[in-house]
Amino acid sequence: MAKLLLILLTTLLALLPGCKNLDAGSREFIPGKGWVPVNR
């Protein structure tokens, strides 16, 4: 049982960095164009 938990924990920790949102920039809604990135 402990070995299974260790494998699950290791897998979870390996996948966590891949779940981060890479595009964290601000966006603004412009009618006709949709959501466009805003550089501030």
Protein backbone atom coordinates (compact mmCIF):
# COMPACT_ATOMS: atom_id res chain seq x y z
CA MET A 1 0.00 0.00 0.00
CA ALA A 2 2.79 2.44 0.88
CA LYS A 3 4.53 1.72 -2.43
CA LEU A 4 1.34 2.54 -4.34
CA LEU A 5 0.95 5.84 -2.46
CA LEU A 6 4.57 6.70 -3.19
CA ILE A 7 4.06 6.07 -6.92
CA LEU A 8 0.88 8.18 -6.98
CA LEU A 9 2.56 11.04 -5.11
CA THR A 10 5.56 10.99 -7.43
CA THR A 11 3.30 11.02 -10.49
CA LEU A 12 1.29 13.93 -9.12
CA LEU A 13 4.42 15.96 -8.38
CA ALA A 14 5.76 15.24 -11.87
CA LEU A 15 2.55 16.47 -13.53
CA LEU A 16 2.01 19.61 -11.44
CA PRO A 17 4.50 21.89 -13.26
CA GLY A 18 2.80 21.11 -16.58
CA CYS A 19 -0.55 22.39 -15.29
CA LYS A 20 0.58 25.98 -14.84
CA ASN A 21 -0.94 28.61 -17.09
CA LEU A 22 1.86 29.79 -19.37
CA ASP A 23 -0.09 32.72 -20.82
CA ALA A 24 -0.77 34.88 -17.77
CA GLY A 25 -1.01 38.18 -19.65
CA SER A 26 -3.95 40.57 -19.33
CA ARG A 27 -6.69 40.45 -21.92
CA GLU A 28 -9.31 42.93 -23.01
CA PHE A 29 -12.58 42.24 -24.81
CA ILE A 30 -13.04 44.25 -27.99
CA PRO A 31 -16.35 43.78 -29.83
CA GLY A 32 -15.70 42.36 -33.27
CA LYS A 33 -12.22 41.13 -32.34
CA GLY A 34 -12.85 39.14 -29.16
CA TRP A 35 -10.30 38.82 -26.37
CA VAL A 36 -7.01 40.47 -27.31
CA PRO A 37 -3.77 40.61 -25.27
CA VAL A 38 -3.01 43.91 -23.56
CA ASN A 39 0.59 44.98 -22.97
CA ARG A 40 0.94 47.20 -19.91
